[in-house]
């Protein structure tokens, strides 16, 4: 069973991603977080529970208060303790090349995807 976490403060983007995931049966299960800190807390609290960890995280960068960079810095502290390999993809509307370069500072980030998402792009994260 494949699971995805969508971490994005924009409910419209979340809903579009959920519709594509359901319509095209890309993942068996998904969970959305509008606050990255809540996703980070969930992952840390459940790091030993492989069955409930996601296979993929789709992470927005630009969010108020606690952003995608804060999430990456937080998960970096315990990602090696996760009982499952979790693939993390930054999904952003940013076209700033500095963001792409900065993402390379996190070796566990598997890719940088520009919004808007498409079914093929989401499928490629598996």
PDB file of N, CA and C in Angstrom:
ATOM      1  N   UNK A   1       0.839  -1.177   0.000  1.00  0.00           N
ATOM      2  CA  UNK A   1       0.000   0.000   0.000  1.00  0.00           C
ATOM      3  C   UNK A   1       0.887   1.246   0.000  1.00  0.00           C
ATOM      4  N   UNK A   2       0.701   2.134  -0.943  1.00  0.00           N
ATOM      5  CA  UNK A   2       1.515   3.342  -1.017  1.00  0.00           C
ATOM      6  C   UNK A   2       0.760   4.531  -0.432  1.00  0.00           C
ATOM      7  N   UNK A   3       1.508   5.333   0.331  1.00  0.00           N
ATOM      8  CA  UNK A   3       0.923   6.480   1.016  1.00  0.00           C
ATOM      9  C   UNK A   3       1.692   7.745   0.665  1.00  0.00           C
ATOM     10  N   UNK A   4       0.964   8.853   0.617  1.00  0.00           N
ATOM     11  CA  UNK A   4       1.577  10.146   0.354  1.00  0.00           C
ATOM     12  C   UNK A   4       1.091  11.147   1.391  1.00  0.00           C
ATOM     13  N   UNK A   5       1.998  12.009   1.816  1.00  0.00           N
ATOM     14  CA  UNK A   5       1.649  13.156   2.642  1.00  0.00           C
ATOM     15  C   UNK A   5       1.786  14.393   1.764  1.00  0.00           C
ATOM     16  N   UNK A   6       0.779  15.236   1.782  1.00  0.00           N
ATOM     17  CA  UNK A   6       0.818  16.509   1.069  1.00  0.00           C
ATOM     18  C   UNK A   6       0.936  17.590   2.134  1.00  0.00           C
ATOM     19  N   UNK A   7       2.037  18.323   2.109  1.00  0.00           N
ATOM     20  CA  UNK A   7       2.264  19.381   3.092  1.00  0.00           C
ATOM     21  C   UNK A   7       2.249  20.706   2.341  1.00  0.00           C
ATOM     22  N   UNK A   8       1.151  21.423   2.482  1.00  0.00           N
ATOM     23  CA  UNK A   8       0.950  22.669   1.744  1.00  0.00           C
ATOM     24  C   UNK A   8      -0.114  23.482   2.467  1.00  0.00           C
ATOM     25  N   UNK A   9       0.132  24.767   2.653  1.00  0.00           N
ATOM     26  CA  UNK A   9      -0.832  25.617   3.348  1.00  0.00           C
ATOM     27  C   UNK A   9      -1.991  26.061   2.458  1.00  0.00           C
ATOM     28  N   UNK A  10      -1.907  25.775   1.174  1.00  0.00           N
ATOM     29  CA  UNK A  10      -2.955  26.183   0.233  1.00  0.00           C
ATOM     30  C   UNK A  10      -3.976  25.055   0.078  1.00  0.00           C
ATOM     31  N   UNK A  11      -5.182  25.230   0.620  1.00  0.00           N
ATOM     32  CA  UNK A  11      -6.181  24.162   0.538  1.00  0.00           C
ATOM     33  C   UNK A  11      -6.601  23.840  -0.890  1.00  0.00           C
ATOM     34  N   UNK A  12      -6.516  24.808  -1.782  1.00  0.00           N
ATOM     35  CA  UNK A  12      -6.860  24.554  -3.189  1.00  0.00           C
ATOM     36  C   UNK A  12      -5.842  23.613  -3.816  1.00  0.00           C
ATOM     37  N   UNK A  13      -4.565  23.876  -3.584  1.00  0.00           N
ATOM     38  CA  UNK A  13      -3.525  22.989  -4.123  1.00  0.00           C
ATOM     39  C   UNK A  13      -3.673  21.588  -3.535  1.00  0.00           C
ATOM     40  N   UNK A  14      -3.944  21.518  -2.234  1.00  0.00           N
ATOM     41  CA  UNK A  14      -4.136  20.211  -1.602  1.00  0.00           C
ATOM     42  C   UNK A  14      -5.292  19.456  -2.249  1.00  0.00           C
ATOM     43  N   UNK A  15      -6.382  20.144  -2.456  1.00  0.00           N
ATOM     44  CA  UNK A  15      -7.576  19.492  -3.030  1.00  0.00           C
ATOM     45  C   UNK A  15      -7.306  19.014  -4.455  1.00  0.00           C
ATOM     46  N   UNK A  16      -6.631  19.828  -5.248  1.00  0.00           N
ATOM     47  CA  UNK A  16      -6.300  19.432  -6.623  1.00  0.00           C
ATOM     48  C   UNK A  16      -5.431  18.172  -6.605  1.00  0.00           C
ATOM     49  N   UNK A  17      -4.425  18.150  -5.740  1.00  0.00           N
ATOM     50  CA  UNK A  17      -3.548  16.974  -5.640  1.00  0.00           C
ATOM     51  C   UNK A  17      -4.344  15.749  -5.197  1.00  0.00           C
ATOM     52  N   UNK A  18      -5.238  15.925  -4.236  1.00  0.00           N
ATOM     53  CA  UNK A  18      -6.052  14.803  -3.759  1.00  0.00           C
ATOM     54  C   UNK A  18      -6.956  14.257  -4.860  1.00  0.00           C
ATOM     55  N   UNK A  19      -7.574  15.146  -5.616  1.00  0.00           N
ATOM     56  CA  UNK A  19      -8.446  14.713  -6.718  1.00  0.00           C
ATOM     57  C   UNK A  19      -7.653  13.902  -7.738  1.00  0.00           C
ATOM     58  N   UNK A  20      -6.471  14.387  -8.101  1.00  0.00           N
ATOM     59  CA  UNK A  20      -5.641  13.651  -9.069  1.00  0.00           C
ATOM     60  C   UNK A  20      -5.233  12.286  -8.527  1.00  0.00           C
ATOM     61  N   UNK A  21      -4.854  12.246  -7.259  1.00  0.00           N
ATOM     62  CA  UNK A  21      -4.433  10.987  -6.639  1.00  0.00           C
ATOM     63  C   UNK A  21      -5.580   9.989  -6.642  1.00  0.00           C
ATOM     64  N   UNK A  22      -6.770  10.441  -6.276  1.00  0.00           N
ATOM     65  CA  UNK A  22      -7.936   9.549  -6.248  1.00  0.00           C
ATOM     66  C   UNK A  22      -8.355   9.127  -7.654  1.00  0.00           C
ATOM     67  N   UNK A  23      -8.490  10.090  -8.542  1.00  0.00           N
ATOM     68  CA  UNK A  23      -8.985   9.816  -9.895  1.00  0.00           C
ATOM     69  C   UNK A  23      -8.068   8.865 -10.662  1.00  0.00           C
ATOM     70  N   UNK A  24      -6.769   9.041 -10.477  1.00  0.00           N
ATOM     71  CA  UNK A  24      -5.804   8.237 -11.236  1.00  0.00           C
ATOM     72  C   UNK A  24      -5.218   7.087 -10.421  1.00  0.00           C
ATOM     73  N   UNK A  25      -5.748   6.892  -9.211  1.00  0.00           N
ATOM     74  CA  UNK A  25      -5.317   5.792  -8.333  1.00  0.00           C
ATOM     75  C   UNK A  25      -3.797   5.715  -8.229  1.00  0.00           C
ATOM     76  N   UNK A  26      -3.180   6.860  -7.952  1.00  0.00           N
ATOM     77  CA  UNK A  26      -1.717   6.922  -7.887  1.00  0.00           C
ATOM     78  C   UNK A  26      -1.204   6.385  -6.558  1.00  0.00           C
ATOM     79  N   UNK A  27      -1.857   6.752  -5.470  1.00  0.00           N
ATOM     80  CA  UNK A  27      -1.520   6.243  -4.143  1.00  0.00           C
ATOM     81  C   UNK A  27      -2.767   5.602  -3.556  1.00  0.00           C
ATOM     82  N   UNK A  28      -2.569   4.676  -2.655  1.00  0.00           N
ATOM     83  CA  UNK A  28      -3.698   4.037  -1.978  1.00  0.00           C
ATOM     84  C   UNK A  28      -4.255   4.906  -0.862  1.00  0.00           C
ATOM     85  N   UNK A  29      -3.407   5.760  -0.316  1.00  0.00           N
ATOM     86  CA  UNK A  29      -3.817   6.567   0.821  1.00  0.00           C
ATOM     87  C   UNK A  29      -3.053   7.888   0.795  1.00  0.00           C
ATOM     88  N   UNK A  30      -3.698   8.934   1.277  1.00  0.00           N
ATOM     89  CA  UNK A  30      -3.021  10.222   1.386  1.00  0.00           C
ATOM     90  C   UNK A  30      -3.472  10.919   2.655  1.00  0.00           C
ATOM     91  N   UNK A  31      -2.618  11.827   3.092  1.00  0.00           N
ATOM     92  CA  UNK A  31      -2.945  12.650   4.247  1.00  0.00           C
ATOM     93  C   UNK A  31      -2.419  14.040   3.960  1.00  0.00           C
ATOM     94  N   UNK A  32      -3.206  15.036   4.308  1.00  0.00           N
ATOM     95  CA  UNK A  32      -2.824  16.422   4.061  1.00  0.00           C
ATOM     96  C   UNK A  32      -2.528  17.145   5.361  1.00  0.00           C
ATOM     97  N   UNK A  33      -1.542  18.022   5.291  1.00  0.00           N
ATOM     98  CA  UNK A  33      -1.179  18.873   6.416  1.00  0.00           C
ATOM     99  C   UNK A  33      -1.074  20.305   5.908  1.00  0.00           C
ATOM    100  N   UNK A  34      -1.763  21.232   6.568  1.00  0.00           N
ATOM    101  CA  UNK A  34      -1.615  22.641   6.208  1.00  0.00           C
ATOM    102  C   UNK A  34      -0.503  23.284   7.030  1.00  0.00           C
ATOM    103  N   UNK A  35      -0.114  22.619   8.108  1.00  0.00           N
ATOM    104  CA  UNK A  35       0.966  23.113   8.955  1.00  0.00           C
ATOM    105  C   UNK A  35       2.115  22.102   8.954  1.00  0.00           C
ATOM    106  N   UNK A  36       3.252  22.476   8.386  1.00  0.00           N
ATOM    107  CA  UNK A  36       4.379  21.538   8.318  1.00  0.00           C
ATOM    108  C   UNK A  36       4.833  21.034   9.683  1.00  0.00           C
ATOM    109  N   UNK A  37       4.704  21.850  10.708  1.00  0.00           N
ATOM    110  CA  UNK A  37       5.134  21.422  12.032  1.00  0.00           C
ATOM    111  C   UNK A  37       4.296  20.234  12.514  1.00  0.00           C
ATOM    112  N   UNK A  38       3.021  20.181  12.141  1.00  0.00           N
ATOM    113  CA  UNK A  38       2.152  19.054  12.524  1.00  0.00           C
ATOM    114  C   UNK A  38       2.616  17.763  11.833  1.00  0.00           C
ATOM    115  N   UNK A  39       3.005  17.883  10.559  1.00  0.00           N
ATOM    116  CA  UNK A  39       3.520  16.718   9.831  1.00  0.00           C
ATOM    117  C   UNK A  39       4.822  16.240  10.456  1.00  0.00           C
ATOM    118  N   UNK A  40       5.682  17.178  10.810  1.00  0.00           N
ATOM    119  CA  UNK A  40       6.964  16.844  11.423  1.00  0.00           C
ATOM    120  C   UNK A  40       6.752  16.134  12.759  1.00  0.00           C
ATOM    121  N   UNK A  41       5.827  16.643  13.566  1.00  0.00           N
ATOM    122  CA  UNK A  41       5.525  16.003  14.846  1.00  0.00           C
ATOM    123  C   UNK A  41       4.985  14.586  14.637  1.00  0.00           C
ATOM    124  N   UNK A  42       4.090  14.431  13.666  1.00  0.00           N
ATOM    125  CA  UNK A  42       3.536  13.099  13.376  1.00  0.00           C
ATOM    126  C   UNK A  42       4.653  12.133  12.992  1.00  0.00           C
ATOM    127  N   UNK A  43       5.536  12.557  12.104  1.00  0.00           N
ATOM    128  CA  UNK A  43       6.618  11.691  11.639  1.00  0.00           C
ATOM    129  C   UNK A  43       7.559  11.312  12.782  1.00  0.00           C
ATOM    130  N   UNK A  44       7.891  12.284  13.625  1.00  0.00           N
ATOM    131  CA  UNK A  44       8.801  11.980  14.727  1.00  0.00           C
ATOM    132  C   UNK A  44       8.147  11.042  15.743  1.00  0.00           C
ATOM    133  N   UNK A  45       6.882  11.283  16.050  1.00  0.00           N
ATOM    134  CA  UNK A  45       6.181  10.441  17.011  1.00  0.00           C
ATOM    135  C   UNK A  45       5.971   9.016  16.494  1.00  0.00           C
ATOM    136  N   UNK A  46       5.913   8.855  15.178  1.00  0.00           N
ATOM    137  CA  UNK A  46       5.622   7.547  14.585  1.00  0.00           C
ATOM    138  C   UNK A  46       6.789   6.981  13.783  1.00  0.00           C
ATOM    139  N   UNK A  47       7.994   7.445  14.057  1.00  0.00           N
ATOM    140  CA  UNK A  47       9.157   7.039  13.260  1.00  0.00           C
ATOM    141  C   UNK A  47       9.412   5.532  13.277  1.00  0.00           C
ATOM    142  N   UNK A  48       8.919   4.848  14.293  1.00  0.00           N
ATOM    143  CA  UNK A  48       9.135   3.398  14.397  1.00  0.00           C
ATOM    144  C   UNK A  48       7.957   2.593  13.857  1.00  0.00           C
ATOM    145  N   UNK A  49       6.953   3.250  13.323  1.00  0.00           N
ATOM    146  CA  UNK A  49       5.741   2.593  12.821  1.00  0.00           C
ATOM    147  C   UNK A  49       5.720   2.626  11.289  1.00  0.00           C
ATOM    148  N   UNK A  50       6.461   1.756  10.654  1.00  0.00           N
ATOM    149  CA  UNK A  50       6.580   1.754   9.193  1.00  0.00           C
ATOM    150  C   UNK A  50       5.233   1.715   8.490  1.00  0.00           C
ATOM    151  N   UNK A  51       4.276   1.028   9.051  1.00  0.00           N
ATOM    152  CA  UNK A  51       2.980   0.863   8.394  1.00  0.00           C
ATOM    153  C   UNK A  51       2.210   2.166   8.241  1.00  0.00           C
ATOM    154  N   UNK A  52       2.470   3.145   9.091  1.00  0.00           N
ATOM    155  CA  UNK A  52       1.720   4.397   8.970  1.00  0.00           C
ATOM    156  C   UNK A  52       2.551   5.543   8.405  1.00  0.00           C
ATOM    157  N   UNK A  53       3.832   5.292   8.151  1.00  0.00           N
ATOM    158  CA  UNK A  53       4.673   6.318   7.533  1.00  0.00           C
ATOM    159  C   UNK A  53       4.363   6.407   6.038  1.00  0.00           C
ATOM    160  N   UNK A  54       4.521   7.597   5.473  1.00  0.00           N
ATOM    161  CA  UNK A  54       4.270   7.737   4.036  1.00  0.00           C
ATOM    162  C   UNK A  54       5.424   7.166   3.218  1.00  0.00           C
ATOM    163  N   UNK A  55       5.124   6.850   1.967  1.00  0.00           N
ATOM    164  CA  UNK A  55       6.182   6.476   1.021  1.00  0.00           C
ATOM    165  C   UNK A  55       6.763   7.732   0.385  1.00  0.00           C
ATOM    166  N   UNK A  56       5.897   8.742   0.220  1.00  0.00           N
ATOM    167  CA  UNK A  56       6.264   9.978  -0.458  1.00  0.00           C
ATOM    168  C   UNK A  56       5.714  11.164   0.323  1.00  0.00           C
ATOM    169  N   UNK A  57       6.503  12.230   0.372  1.00  0.00           N
ATOM    170  CA  UNK A  57       6.044  13.513   0.918  1.00  0.00           C
ATOM    171  C   UNK A  57       6.165  14.541  -0.198  1.00  0.00           C
ATOM    172  N   UNK A  58       5.074  15.249  -0.456  1.00  0.00           N
ATOM    173  CA  UNK A  58       5.063  16.370  -1.402  1.00  0.00           C
ATOM    174  C   UNK A  58       5.039  17.634  -0.554  1.00  0.00           C
ATOM    175  N   UNK A  59       6.125  18.372  -0.554  1.00  0.00           N
ATOM    176  CA  UNK A  59       6.354  19.472   0.377  1.00  0.00           C
ATOM    177  C   UNK A  59       6.418  20.815  -0.328  1.00  0.00           C
ATOM    178  N   UNK A  60       5.520  21.708   0.055  1.00  0.00           N
ATOM    179  CA  UNK A  60       5.585  23.094  -0.415  1.00  0.00           C
ATOM    180  C   UNK A  60       6.677  23.807   0.377  1.00  0.00           C
ATOM    181  N   UNK A  61       7.280  24.831  -0.222  1.00  0.00           N
ATOM    182  CA  UNK A  61       8.325  25.582   0.469  1.00  0.00           C
ATOM    183  C   UNK A  61       7.786  26.814   1.184  1.00  0.00           C
ATOM    184  N   UNK A  62       6.994  27.587   0.474  1.00  0.00           N
ATOM    185  CA  UNK A  62       6.580  28.902   0.964  1.00  0.00           C
ATOM    186  C   UNK A  62       5.288  28.816   1.764  1.00  0.00           C
ATOM    187  N   UNK A  63       5.464  28.774   3.078  1.00  0.00           N
ATOM    188  CA  UNK A  63       4.333  28.735   3.988  1.00  0.00           C
ATOM    189  C   UNK A  63       4.643  29.678   5.150  1.00  0.00           C
ATOM    190  N   UNK A  64       3.605  30.256   5.752  1.00  0.00           N
ATOM    191  CA  UNK A  64       3.857  31.192   6.858  1.00  0.00           C
ATOM    192  C   UNK A  64       4.318  30.474   8.125  1.00  0.00           C
ATOM    193  N   UNK A  65       4.978  31.178   8.962  1.00  0.00           N
ATOM    194  CA  UNK A  65       5.452  30.760  10.281  1.00  0.00           C
ATOM    195  C   UNK A  65       6.513  29.658  10.196  1.00  0.00           C
ATOM    196  N   UNK A  66       6.139  28.467   9.807  1.00  0.00           N
ATOM    197  CA  UNK A  66       7.031  27.301   9.735  1.00  0.00           C
ATOM    198  C   UNK A  66       6.965  26.824   8.292  1.00  0.00           C
ATOM    199  N   UNK A  67       8.017  27.055   7.524  1.00  0.00           N
ATOM    200  CA  UNK A  67       7.950  26.767   6.083  1.00  0.00           C
ATOM    201  C   UNK A  67       8.601  25.428   5.728  1.00  0.00           C
ATOM    202  N   UNK A  68       8.685  25.162   4.439  1.00  0.00           N
ATOM    203  CA  UNK A  68       9.255  23.905   3.967  1.00  0.00           C
ATOM    204  C   UNK A  68      10.714  23.722   4.356  1.00  0.00           C
ATOM    205  N   UNK A  69      11.461  24.824   4.388  1.00  0.00           N
ATOM    206  CA  UNK A  69      12.868  24.742   4.798  1.00  0.00           C
ATOM    207  C   UNK A  69      12.967  24.346   6.276  1.00  0.00           C
ATOM    208  N   UNK A  70      12.070  24.907   7.091  1.00  0.00           N
ATOM    209  CA  UNK A  70      12.048  24.536   8.515  1.00  0.00           C
ATOM    210  C   UNK A  70      11.722  23.050   8.667  1.00  0.00           C
ATOM    211  N   UNK A  71      10.786  22.565   7.854  1.00  0.00           N
ATOM    212  CA  UNK A  71      10.428  21.147   7.876  1.00  0.00           C
ATOM    213  C   UNK A  71      11.653  20.291   7.534  1.00  0.00           C
ATOM    214  N   UNK A  72      12.370  20.663   6.482  1.00  0.00           N
ATOM    215  CA  UNK A  72      13.546  19.884   6.071  1.00  0.00           C
ATOM    216  C   UNK A  72      14.621  19.892   7.153  1.00  0.00           C
ATOM    217  N   UNK A  73      14.835  21.041   7.780  1.00  0.00           N
ATOM    218  CA  UNK A  73      15.824  21.106   8.865  1.00  0.00           C
ATOM    219  C   UNK A  73      15.389  20.243  10.044  1.00  0.00           C
ATOM    220  N   UNK A  74      14.087  20.203  10.302  1.00  0.00           N
ATOM    221  CA  UNK A  74      13.582  19.391  11.406  1.00  0.00           C
ATOM    222  C   UNK A  74      13.684  17.902  11.140  1.00  0.00           C
ATOM    223  N   UNK A  75      13.265  17.472   9.970  1.00  0.00           N
ATOM    224  CA  UNK A  75      13.274  16.031   9.664  1.00  0.00           C
ATOM    225  C   UNK A  75      14.698  15.513   9.499  1.00  0.00           C
ATOM    226  N   UNK A  76      15.607  16.409   9.130  1.00  0.00           N
ATOM    227  CA  UNK A  76      17.006  16.015   8.962  1.00  0.00           C
ATOM    228  C   UNK A  76      17.560  15.397  10.249  1.00  0.00           C
ATOM    229  N   UNK A  77      17.027  15.821  11.403  1.00  0.00           N
ATOM    230  CA  UNK A  77      17.522  15.357  12.694  1.00  0.00           C
ATOM    231  C   UNK A  77      17.159  13.906  12.991  1.00  0.00           C
ATOM    232  N   UNK A  78      16.106  13.391  12.327  1.00  0.00           N
ATOM    233  CA  UNK A  78      15.697  12.022  12.649  1.00  0.00           C
ATOM    234  C   UNK A  78      15.333  11.175  11.428  1.00  0.00           C
ATOM    235  N   UNK A  79      15.568  11.671  10.237  1.00  0.00           N
ATOM    236  CA  UNK A  79      15.160  10.930   9.035  1.00  0.00           C
ATOM    237  C   UNK A  79      15.798   9.546   8.978  1.00  0.00           C
ATOM    238  N   UNK A  80      17.007   9.421   9.479  1.00  0.00           N
ATOM    239  CA  UNK A  80      17.679   8.115   9.453  1.00  0.00           C
ATOM    240  C   UNK A  80      17.081   7.126  10.445  1.00  0.00           C
ATOM    241  N   UNK A  81      16.225   7.604  11.342  1.00  0.00           N
ATOM    242  CA  UNK A  81      15.573   6.735  12.320  1.00  0.00           C
ATOM    243  C   UNK A  81      14.218   6.224  11.834  1.00  0.00           C
ATOM    244  N   UNK A  82      13.729   6.789  10.723  1.00  0.00           N
ATOM    245  CA  UNK A  82      12.442   6.334  10.186  1.00  0.00           C
ATOM    246  C   UNK A  82      12.549   4.875   9.767  1.00  0.00           C
ATOM    247  N   UNK A  83      11.553   4.093  10.106  1.00  0.00           N
ATOM    248  CA  UNK A  83      11.559   2.666   9.808  1.00  0.00           C
ATOM    249  C   UNK A  83      11.190   2.360   8.360  1.00  0.00           C
ATOM    250  N   UNK A  84      11.128   3.384   7.562  1.00  0.00           N
ATOM    251  CA  UNK A  84      10.764   3.235   6.156  1.00  0.00           C
ATOM    252  C   UNK A  84      11.484   4.330   5.376  1.00  0.00           C
ATOM    253  N   UNK A  85      11.910   4.005   4.177  1.00  0.00           N
ATOM    254  CA  UNK A  85      12.508   5.021   3.312  1.00  0.00           C
ATOM    255  C   UNK A  85      11.383   5.906   2.794  1.00  0.00           C
ATOM    256  N   UNK A  86      11.457   7.177   3.105  1.00  0.00           N
ATOM    257  CA  UNK A  86      10.447   8.145   2.683  1.00  0.00           C
ATOM    258  C   UNK A  86      11.074   9.057   1.638  1.00  0.00           C
ATOM    259  N   UNK A  87      10.435   9.115   0.472  1.00  0.00           N
ATOM    260  CA  UNK A  87      10.926   9.971  -0.614  1.00  0.00           C
ATOM    261  C   UNK A  87      10.279  11.352  -0.464  1.00  0.00           C
ATOM    262  N   UNK A  88      11.112  12.394  -0.407  1.00  0.00           N
ATOM    263  CA  UNK A  88      10.623  13.756  -0.219  1.00  0.00           C
ATOM    264  C   UNK A  88      10.858  14.546  -1.506  1.00  0.00           C
ATOM    265  N   UNK A  89       9.775  15.166  -1.982  1.00  0.00           N
ATOM    266  CA  UNK A  89       9.840  16.014  -3.162  1.00  0.00           C
ATOM    267  C   UNK A  89       9.352  17.406  -2.797  1.00  0.00           C
ATOM    268  N   UNK A  90      10.144  18.400  -3.125  1.00  0.00           N
ATOM    269  CA  UNK A  90       9.708  19.778  -2.955  1.00  0.00           C
ATOM    270  C   UNK A  90       8.794  20.099  -4.126  1.00  0.00           C
ATOM    271  N   UNK A  91       7.635  20.646  -3.813  1.00  0.00           N
ATOM    272  CA  UNK A  91       6.665  21.050  -4.837  1.00  0.00           C
ATOM    273  C   UNK A  91       6.437  22.536  -4.622  1.00  0.00           C
ATOM    274  N   UNK A  92       6.885  23.346  -5.567  1.00  0.00           N
ATOM    275  CA  UNK A  92       6.843  24.777  -5.340  1.00  0.00           C
ATOM    276  C   UNK A  92       6.511  25.549  -6.606  1.00  0.00           C
ATOM    277  N   UNK A  93       5.940  26.711  -6.403  1.00  0.00           N
ATOM    278  CA  UNK A  93       5.703  27.613  -7.530  1.00  0.00           C
ATOM    279  C   UNK A  93       6.916  28.515  -7.728  1.00  0.00           C
ATOM    280  N   UNK A  94       7.917  28.372  -6.873  1.00  0.00           N
ATOM    281  CA  UNK A  94       9.130  29.180  -6.973  1.00  0.00           C
ATOM    282  C   UNK A  94       9.910  28.825  -8.242  1.00  0.00           C
ATOM    283  N   UNK A  95      10.319  29.845  -8.937  1.00  0.00           N
ATOM    284  CA  UNK A  95      11.183  29.632 -10.107  1.00  0.00           C
ATOM    285  C   UNK A  95      12.597  30.126  -9.812  1.00  0.00           C
ATOM    286  N   UNK A  96      12.839  30.439  -8.541  1.00  0.00           N
ATOM    287  CA  UNK A  96      14.134  30.937  -8.107  1.00  0.00           C
ATOM    288  C   UNK A  96      15.148  29.800  -8.107  1.00  0.00           C
ATOM    289  N   UNK A  97      16.169  29.956  -8.887  1.00  0.00           N
ATOM    290  CA  UNK A  97      17.212  28.934  -9.000  1.00  0.00           C
ATOM    291  C   UNK A  97      17.899  28.700  -7.654  1.00  0.00           C
ATOM    292  N   UNK A  98      17.904  29.718  -6.783  1.00  0.00           N
ATOM    293  CA  UNK A  98      18.511  29.573  -5.460  1.00  0.00           C
ATOM    294  C   UNK A  98      17.772  28.522  -4.630  1.00  0.00           C
ATOM    295  N   UNK A  99      16.452  28.424  -4.801  1.00  0.00           N
ATOM    296  CA  UNK A  99      15.697  27.405  -4.077  1.00  0.00           C
ATOM    297  C   UNK A  99      16.107  26.014  -4.529  1.00  0.00           C
ATOM    298  N   UNK A 100      16.271  25.826  -5.826  1.00  0.00           N
ATOM    299  CA  UNK A 100      16.704  24.517  -6.333  1.00  0.00           C
ATOM    300  C   UNK A 100      18.091  24.168  -5.812  1.00  0.00           C
ATOM    301  N   UNK A 101      18.983  25.153  -5.815  1.00  0.00           N
ATOM    302  CA  UNK A 101      20.337  24.914  -5.308  1.00  0.00           C
ATOM    303  C   UNK A 101      20.317  24.628  -3.806  1.00  0.00           C
ATOM    304  N   UNK A 102      19.527  25.368  -3.076  1.00  0.00           N
ATOM    305  CA  UNK A 102      19.438  25.158  -1.625  1.00  0.00           C
ATOM    306  C   UNK A 102      18.892  23.768  -1.299  1.00  0.00           C
ATOM    307  N   UNK A 103      17.973  23.283  -2.125  1.00  0.00           N
ATOM    308  CA  UNK A 103      17.404  21.955  -1.872  1.00  0.00           C
ATOM    309  C   UNK A 103      18.470  20.862  -1.957  1.00  0.00           C
ATOM    310  N   UNK A 104      19.535  21.115  -2.674  1.00  0.00           N
ATOM    311  CA  UNK A 104      20.611  20.128  -2.803  1.00  0.00           C
ATOM    312  C   UNK A 104      21.404  19.987  -1.500  1.00  0.00           C
ATOM    313  N   UNK A 105      21.214  20.919  -0.556  1.00  0.00           N
ATOM    314  CA  UNK A 105      21.863  20.806   0.755  1.00  0.00           C
ATOM    315  C   UNK A 105      21.241  19.699   1.595  1.00  0.00           C
ATOM    316  N   UNK A 106      20.116  19.177   1.131  1.00  0.00           N
ATOM    317  CA  UNK A 106      19.409  18.113   1.838  1.00  0.00           C
ATOM    318  C   UNK A 106      19.469  16.855   0.970  1.00  0.00           C
ATOM    319  N   UNK A 107      20.438  15.979   1.206  1.00  0.00           N
ATOM    320  CA  UNK A 107      20.617  14.806   0.344  1.00  0.00           C
ATOM    321  C   UNK A 107      19.419  13.869   0.308  1.00  0.00           C
ATOM    322  N   UNK A 108      18.532  13.975   1.272  1.00  0.00           N
ATOM    323  CA  UNK A 108      17.351  13.116   1.311  1.00  0.00           C
ATOM    324  C   UNK A 108      16.192  13.677   0.487  1.00  0.00           C
ATOM    325  N   UNK A 109      16.349  14.865  -0.089  1.00  0.00           N
ATOM    326  CA  UNK A 109      15.325  15.411  -0.986  1.00  0.00           C
ATOM    327  C   UNK A 109      15.519  14.751  -2.346  1.00  0.00           C
ATOM    328  N   UNK A 110      14.468  14.115  -2.838  1.00  0.00           N
ATOM    329  CA  UNK A 110      14.567  13.346  -4.078  1.00  0.00           C
ATOM    330  C   UNK A 110      14.294  14.136  -5.350  1.00  0.00           C
ATOM    331  N   UNK A 111      13.771  15.357  -5.211  1.00  0.00           N
ATOM    332  CA  UNK A 111      13.514  16.135  -6.413  1.00  0.00           C
ATOM    333  C   UNK A 111      12.830  17.448  -6.109  1.00  0.00           C
ATOM    334  N   UNK A 112      12.817  18.307  -7.108  1.00  0.00           N
ATOM    335  CA  UNK A 112      12.201  19.628  -7.035  1.00  0.00           C
ATOM    336  C   UNK A 112      11.195  19.695  -8.169  1.00  0.00           C
ATOM    337  N   UNK A 113       9.925  19.806  -7.823  1.00  0.00           N
ATOM    338  CA  UNK A 113       8.845  19.782  -8.809  1.00  0.00           C
ATOM    339  C   UNK A 113       8.173  21.153  -8.829  1.00  0.00           C
ATOM    340  N   UNK A 114       7.973  21.682 -10.020  1.00  0.00           N
ATOM    341  CA  UNK A 114       7.287  22.962 -10.154  1.00  0.00           C
ATOM    342  C   UNK A 114       5.784  22.750 -10.228  1.00  0.00           C
ATOM    343  N   UNK A 115       5.055  23.628  -9.534  1.00  0.00           N
ATOM    344  CA  UNK A 115       3.599  23.609  -9.628  1.00  0.00           C
ATOM    345  C   UNK A 115       3.205  24.180 -10.982  1.00  0.00           C
ATOM    346  N   UNK A 116       2.104  23.801 -11.533  1.00  0.00           N
ATOM    347  CA  UNK A 116       1.095  22.903 -10.995  1.00  0.00           C
ATOM    348  C   UNK A 116       1.467  21.435 -11.206  1.00  0.00           C
ATOM    349  N   UNK A 117       0.897  20.595 -10.364  1.00  0.00           N
ATOM    350  CA  UNK A 117       1.104  19.149 -10.474  1.00  0.00           C
ATOM    351  C   UNK A 117       0.243  18.573 -11.591  1.00  0.00           C
ATOM    352  N   UNK A 118       0.683  17.455 -12.089  1.00  0.00           N
ATOM    353  CA  UNK A 118      -0.112  16.680 -13.055  1.00  0.00           C
ATOM    354  C   UNK A 118      -0.084  15.228 -12.592  1.00  0.00           C
ATOM    355  N   UNK A 119      -1.002  14.401 -13.079  1.00  0.00           N
ATOM    356  CA  UNK A 119      -0.978  12.987 -12.693  1.00  0.00           C
ATOM    357  C   UNK A 119       0.358  12.322 -13.019  1.00  0.00           C
ATOM    358  N   UNK A 120       0.945  12.627 -14.174  1.00  0.00           N
ATOM    359  CA  UNK A 120       2.212  12.018 -14.541  1.00  0.00           C
ATOM    360  C   UNK A 120       3.339  12.428 -13.609  1.00  0.00           C
ATOM    361  N   UNK A 121       3.324  13.686 -13.200  1.00  0.00           N
ATOM    362  CA  UNK A 121       4.360  14.169 -12.265  1.00  0.00           C
ATOM    363  C   UNK A 121       4.202  13.462 -10.924  1.00  0.00           C
ATOM    364  N   UNK A 122       2.978  13.369 -10.431  1.00  0.00           N
ATOM    365  CA  UNK A 122       2.754  12.694  -9.148  1.00  0.00           C
ATOM    366  C   UNK A 122       3.160  11.229  -9.250  1.00  0.00           C
ATOM    367  N   UNK A 123       2.798  10.570 -10.347  1.00  0.00           N
ATOM    368  CA  UNK A 123       3.149   9.166 -10.549  1.00  0.00           C
ATOM    369  C   UNK A 123       4.672   8.969 -10.551  1.00  0.00           C
ATOM    370  N   UNK A 124       5.412   9.946 -11.065  1.00  0.00           N
ATOM    371  CA  UNK A 124       6.867   9.816 -11.156  1.00  0.00           C
ATOM    372  C   UNK A 124       7.546   9.836  -9.786  1.00  0.00           C
ATOM    373  N   UNK A 125       6.816  10.211  -8.746  1.00  0.00           N
ATOM    374  CA  UNK A 125       7.422  10.243  -7.403  1.00  0.00           C
ATOM    375  C   UNK A 125       7.498   8.856  -6.772  1.00  0.00           C
ATOM    376  N   UNK A 126       6.801   7.881  -7.329  1.00  0.00           N
ATOM    377  CA  UNK A 126       6.791   6.540  -6.751  1.00  0.00           C
ATOM    378  C   UNK A 126       8.075   5.778  -7.037  1.00  0.00           C
TER     379      UNK A 126
END
